[in-house]
Amino acid sequence: MGFFNWARARRLSAAALGSSVLFIAVACSSSKPKPADSASGEDNGPPPACNKDEVREYLCDDLLPFNGEKAAAEPYQTCPSSVGVKGNVFKPTSGVARFDPTRTAWTRKRVPPGHACCYSWCSTLVLADAGDVDAASCQQPNAMRERLCISSAEAGVSDSAAAPNEGCAAAVSPPPSVSFTPPKAAALDLQATAEKRSQGVSECCYGWCSKAPLGTGLGAK
């Protein structure tokens, strides 16, 4: 009987040791850093080209945290090589915004003291049917004119405007974030777009009228 108890005790000790080793292994594996986000492999190199029906969006900031291990290439090594997307108008195709040297140089020339770091990414453009544009919306009581200017589509759009605005959609659906009452479709504003082009900015501007909230004193002028 004594021999049986001793053997059983040895078996229990071995089982307990095995359980301990297994617990330690699990604990160690759970303490390892989690894999980086799937977009982490997209944080090197220049911003990728946008596809058809996509628009390039930008983020510029003077106060970004510096990380020497992930710095942009010279002469912009004080800028991080990538940041998270924020301030987007349309749905981004990636959660990572890569450093954009062209936009940075352009912005630094125009916004003193010239320390801005700019990033860009591609977002899916929400096209609309030009036939859904409500031309009478600006005639309604309490109507307020609104405008959205976005970059000209690099790869073009499925329903483009006529020359010289081939990179602009004939109409888009403004998201709720940029409008009091976003319309189903907003038409390309030819005059505002031409003004942008005269300033050397390749953008497409869209205009519509929202119904201004009562009591704000806002309205079409």
Protein backbone atom coordinates (compact mmCIF):
# COMPACT_ATOMS: atom_id res chain seq x y z
CA MET A 1 0.00 0.00 0.00
CA GLY A 2 2.87 2.39 0.92
CA PHE A 3 4.62 1.76 -2.43
CA PHE A 4 1.36 2.47 -4.27
CA ASN A 5 0.87 5.81 -2.49
CA TRP A 6 4.49 6.83 -3.24
CA ALA A 7 4.12 6.04 -6.94
CA ARG A 8 0.82 7.85 -7.09
CA ALA A 9 2.37 10.86 -5.38
CA ARG A 10 5.20 10.87 -7.95
CA ARG A 11 2.68 10.76 -10.76
CA LEU A 12 0.72 13.66 -9.24
CA SER A 13 3.93 15.68 -8.79
CA ALA A 14 4.90 15.11 -12.40
CA ALA A 15 1.44 16.10 -13.54
CA ALA A 16 1.58 19.22 -11.38
CA LEU A 17 5.02 20.10 -12.76
CA GLY A 18 3.75 19.65 -16.30
CA SER A 19 0.79 21.88 -15.56
CA SER A 20 3.11 24.50 -14.10
CA VAL A 21 5.36 24.45 -17.14
CA LEU A 22 2.31 24.72 -19.39
CA PHE A 23 0.99 27.64 -17.33
CA ILE A 24 4.35 29.44 -17.50
CA ALA A 25 4.53 28.91 -21.26
CA VAL A 26 1.03 30.27 -21.73
CA ALA A 27 1.74 33.21 -19.44
CA CYS A 28 4.94 34.07 -21.29
CA SER A 29 3.28 33.82 -24.67
CA SER A 30 0.40 36.03 -23.53
CA SER A 31 2.86 38.63 -22.25
CA LYS A 32 4.52 39.01 -25.66
CA PRO A 33 3.59 42.15 -27.60
CA LYS A 34 0.61 41.71 -29.83
CA PRO A 35 1.31 41.68 -33.55
CA ALA A 36 1.23 45.11 -35.09
CA ASP A 37 -1.83 46.22 -36.95
CA SER A 38 -2.07 44.83 -40.46
CA ALA A 39 -1.45 48.32 -41.77
CA SER A 40 1.96 48.50 -40.04
CA GLY A 41 3.62 47.05 -43.10
CA GLU A 42 2.41 50.07 -45.06
CA ASP A 43 4.30 52.72 -43.09
CA ASN A 44 7.47 52.83 -45.18
CA GLY A 45 8.10 54.50 -48.49
CA PRO A 46 6.08 57.13 -50.32
CA PRO A 47 2.29 57.27 -50.24
CA PRO A 48 0.75 54.67 -52.59
CA ALA A 49 -1.02 55.72 -55.75
CA CYS A 50 -4.80 55.95 -55.52
CA ASN A 51 -7.04 53.79 -57.69
CA LYS A 52 -9.98 54.81 -59.81
CA ASP A 53 -12.84 56.35 -57.81
CA GLU A 54 -10.48 57.14 -54.95
CA VAL A 55 -9.46 60.56 -53.67
CA ARG A 56 -6.23 61.51 -51.91
CA GLU A 57 -6.75 63.09 -48.52
CA TYR A 58 -4.17 64.92 -46.42
CA LEU A 59 -3.18 65.62 -42.84
CA CYS A 60 -0.65 68.35 -41.96
CA ASP A 61 0.54 69.03 -38.42
CA ASP A 62 3.27 71.14 -36.78
CA LEU A 63 3.20 69.28 -33.46
CA LEU A 64 3.68 65.61 -34.26
CA PRO A 65 5.70 63.48 -31.79
CA PHE A 66 9.19 62.71 -33.07
CA ASN A 67 10.40 59.10 -33.22
CA GLY A 68 13.98 58.80 -34.48
CA GLU A 69 13.54 55.11 -35.28
CA LYS A 70 10.73 55.86 -37.75
CA ALA A 71 11.76 59.20 -39.16
CA ALA A 72 11.01 60.39 -42.68
CA ALA A 73 13.87 60.63 -45.16
CA GLU A 74 16.11 63.69 -45.24
CA PRO A 75 15.63 66.62 -45.23
CA TYR A 76 12.44 65.84 -43.31
CA GLN A 77 13.93 63.60 -40.63
CA THR A 78 12.16 65.58 -37.89
CA CYS A 79 8.87 64.16 -39.17
CA PRO A 80 7.60 60.64 -38.37
CA SER A 81 7.51 58.37 -41.42
CA SER A 82 3.82 57.62 -40.85
CA VAL A 83 0.89 58.45 -38.60
CA GLY A 84 -2.64 57.19 -38.14
CA VAL A 85 -5.34 58.49 -40.45
CA LYS A 86 -7.54 61.19 -38.94
CA GLY A 87 -9.66 64.05 -40.22
CA ASN A 88 -10.71 62.04 -43.28
CA VAL A 89 -13.83 63.05 -45.20
CA PHE A 90 -14.43 59.77 -47.03
CA LYS A 91 -13.72 56.19 -45.89
CA PRO A 92 -9.95 55.56 -46.03
CA THR A 93 -8.56 52.46 -47.73
CA SER A 94 -5.88 52.17 -45.02
CA GLY A 95 -5.49 53.17 -41.40
CA VAL A 96 -1.96 54.46 -42.08
CA ALA A 97 -1.07 57.85 -43.52
CA ARG A 98 2.42 57.95 -45.03
CA PHE A 99 4.70 60.95 -45.04
CA ASP A 100 4.10 63.01 -48.18
CA PRO A 101 7.23 65.05 -49.10
CA THR A 102 5.53 66.89 -51.97
CA ARG A 103 2.62 68.09 -49.83
CA THR A 104 5.03 68.95 -47.00
CA ALA A 105 7.20 71.12 -49.25
CA TRP A 106 4.11 72.82 -50.71
CA THR A 107 2.65 73.52 -47.26
CA ARG A 108 5.88 74.77 -45.71
CA LYS A 109 6.20 77.40 -48.43
CA ARG A 110 2.73 78.71 -47.67
CA VAL A 111 2.37 78.28 -43.92
CA PRO A 112 5.14 79.90 -41.84
CA PRO A 113 7.31 79.07 -39.98
CA GLY A 114 7.55 76.06 -42.27
CA HIS A 115 7.69 73.17 -39.81
CA ALA A 116 4.62 71.24 -40.95
CA CYS A 117 4.77 67.50 -41.60
CA CYS A 118 2.19 66.33 -44.12
CA TYR A 119 0.77 62.86 -44.74
CA SER A 120 -1.62 61.41 -47.27
CA TRP A 121 -3.75 58.35 -47.95
CA CYS A 122 -6.45 57.23 -50.37
CA SER A 123 -10.15 57.24 -49.56
CA THR A 124 -13.09 55.81 -51.46
CA LEU A 125 -14.98 58.57 -53.24
CA VAL A 126 -18.75 58.35 -52.85
CA LEU A 127 -20.07 59.08 -56.35
CA ALA A 128 -23.61 60.30 -56.92
CA ASP A 129 -25.94 60.54 -59.88
CA ALA A 130 -25.97 64.10 -61.22
CA GLY A 131 -29.68 63.62 -61.89
CA ASP A 132 -30.25 63.47 -58.11
CA VAL A 133 -28.96 67.01 -57.55
CA ASP A 134 -31.71 69.15 -56.00
CA ALA A 135 -31.29 72.44 -57.83
CA ALA A 136 -34.16 74.02 -55.91
CA SER A 137 -32.67 73.40 -52.46
CA CYS A 138 -31.09 76.87 -52.36
CA GLN A 139 -34.51 78.47 -52.88
CA GLN A 140 -35.93 76.97 -49.70
CA PRO A 141 -36.41 79.02 -46.52
CA ASN A 142 -33.41 78.94 -44.21
CA ALA A 143 -31.17 77.58 -46.98
CA MET A 144 -27.45 77.79 -46.32
CA ARG A 145 -24.79 77.35 -49.01
CA GLU A 146 -22.11 74.79 -48.29
CA ARG A 147 -19.03 73.65 -50.17
CA LEU A 148 -16.64 70.71 -50.20
CA CYS A 149 -13.31 70.81 -52.06
CA ILE A 150 -11.32 67.61 -52.52
CA SER A 151 -8.30 66.55 -54.53
CA SER A 152 -8.72 65.68 -58.18
CA ALA A 153 -8.81 61.89 -58.61
CA GLU A 154 -5.39 60.66 -59.75
CA ALA A 155 -6.73 57.63 -61.62
CA GLY A 156 -9.98 59.23 -62.71
CA VAL A 157 -13.57 58.54 -61.79
CA SER A 158 -16.29 56.39 -63.31
CA ASP A 159 -18.62 59.33 -63.90
CA SER A 160 -16.30 62.26 -64.64
CA ALA A 161 -17.12 65.85 -65.43
CA ALA A 162 -16.37 67.37 -68.80
CA ALA A 163 -12.99 68.83 -69.73
CA PRO A 164 -10.99 70.44 -68.24
CA ASN A 165 -12.28 68.74 -65.07
CA GLU A 166 -11.89 65.08 -66.09
CA GLY A 167 -10.42 64.23 -62.67
CA CYS A 168 -13.59 65.41 -60.95
CA ALA A 169 -16.78 63.42 -60.49
CA ALA A 170 -19.86 65.10 -61.92
CA ALA A 171 -21.50 64.72 -58.51
CA VAL A 172 -20.65 63.27 -55.09
CA SER A 173 -22.54 62.45 -51.91
CA PRO A 174 -21.16 64.67 -49.12
CA PRO A 175 -20.84 62.75 -45.84
CA PRO A 176 -22.73 63.92 -42.74
CA SER A 177 -19.49 65.11 -41.15
CA VAL A 178 -19.16 68.04 -43.58
CA SER A 179 -22.75 69.25 -43.76
CA PHE A 180 -25.73 70.28 -41.66
CA THR A 181 -28.06 68.30 -43.91
CA PRO A 182 -26.01 66.46 -46.53
CA PRO A 183 -27.81 66.09 -49.87
CA LYS A 184 -28.09 62.88 -51.81
CA ALA A 185 -25.99 64.47 -54.54
CA ALA A 186 -23.91 67.63 -54.81
CA ALA A 187 -22.90 68.88 -58.25
CA LEU A 188 -19.45 70.05 -59.25
CA ASP A 189 -19.12 73.79 -58.68
CA LEU A 190 -17.39 74.92 -61.87
CA GLN A 191 -16.60 78.43 -60.65
CA ALA A 192 -15.10 77.35 -57.32
CA THR A 193 -13.12 74.60 -59.06
CA ALA A 194 -11.77 77.08 -61.62
CA GLU A 195 -10.71 79.40 -58.80
CA LYS A 196 -8.74 76.59 -57.20
CA ARG A 197 -7.06 75.76 -60.50
CA SER A 198 -6.09 79.43 -60.96
CA GLN A 199 -4.32 79.20 -57.61
CA GLY A 200 -2.36 76.17 -58.77
CA VAL A 201 -4.39 73.72 -56.68
CA SER A 202 -5.79 70.64 -58.44
CA GLU A 203 -9.04 70.29 -56.56
CA CYS A 204 -12.69 69.62 -57.31
CA CYS A 205 -15.24 71.71 -55.45
CA TYR A 206 -18.87 70.77 -54.87
CA GLY A 207 -21.68 73.02 -53.72
CA TRP A 208 -25.16 72.54 -52.30
CA CYS A 209 -27.58 74.12 -49.86
CA SER A 210 -28.38 72.72 -46.45
CA LYS A 211 -31.25 73.78 -44.24
CA ALA A 212 -29.71 75.92 -41.54
CA PRO A 213 -30.82 75.16 -37.96
CA LEU A 214 -33.46 77.58 -36.71
CA GLY A 215 -32.17 80.37 -34.52
CA THR A 216 -28.63 80.33 -35.90
CA GLY A 217 -29.12 83.27 -38.25
CA LEU A 218 -27.36 81.35 -40.99
CA GLY A 219 -28.70 81.30 -44.50
CA ALA A 220 -27.93 81.72 -48.16
CA LYS A 221 -26.43 85.03 -49.13
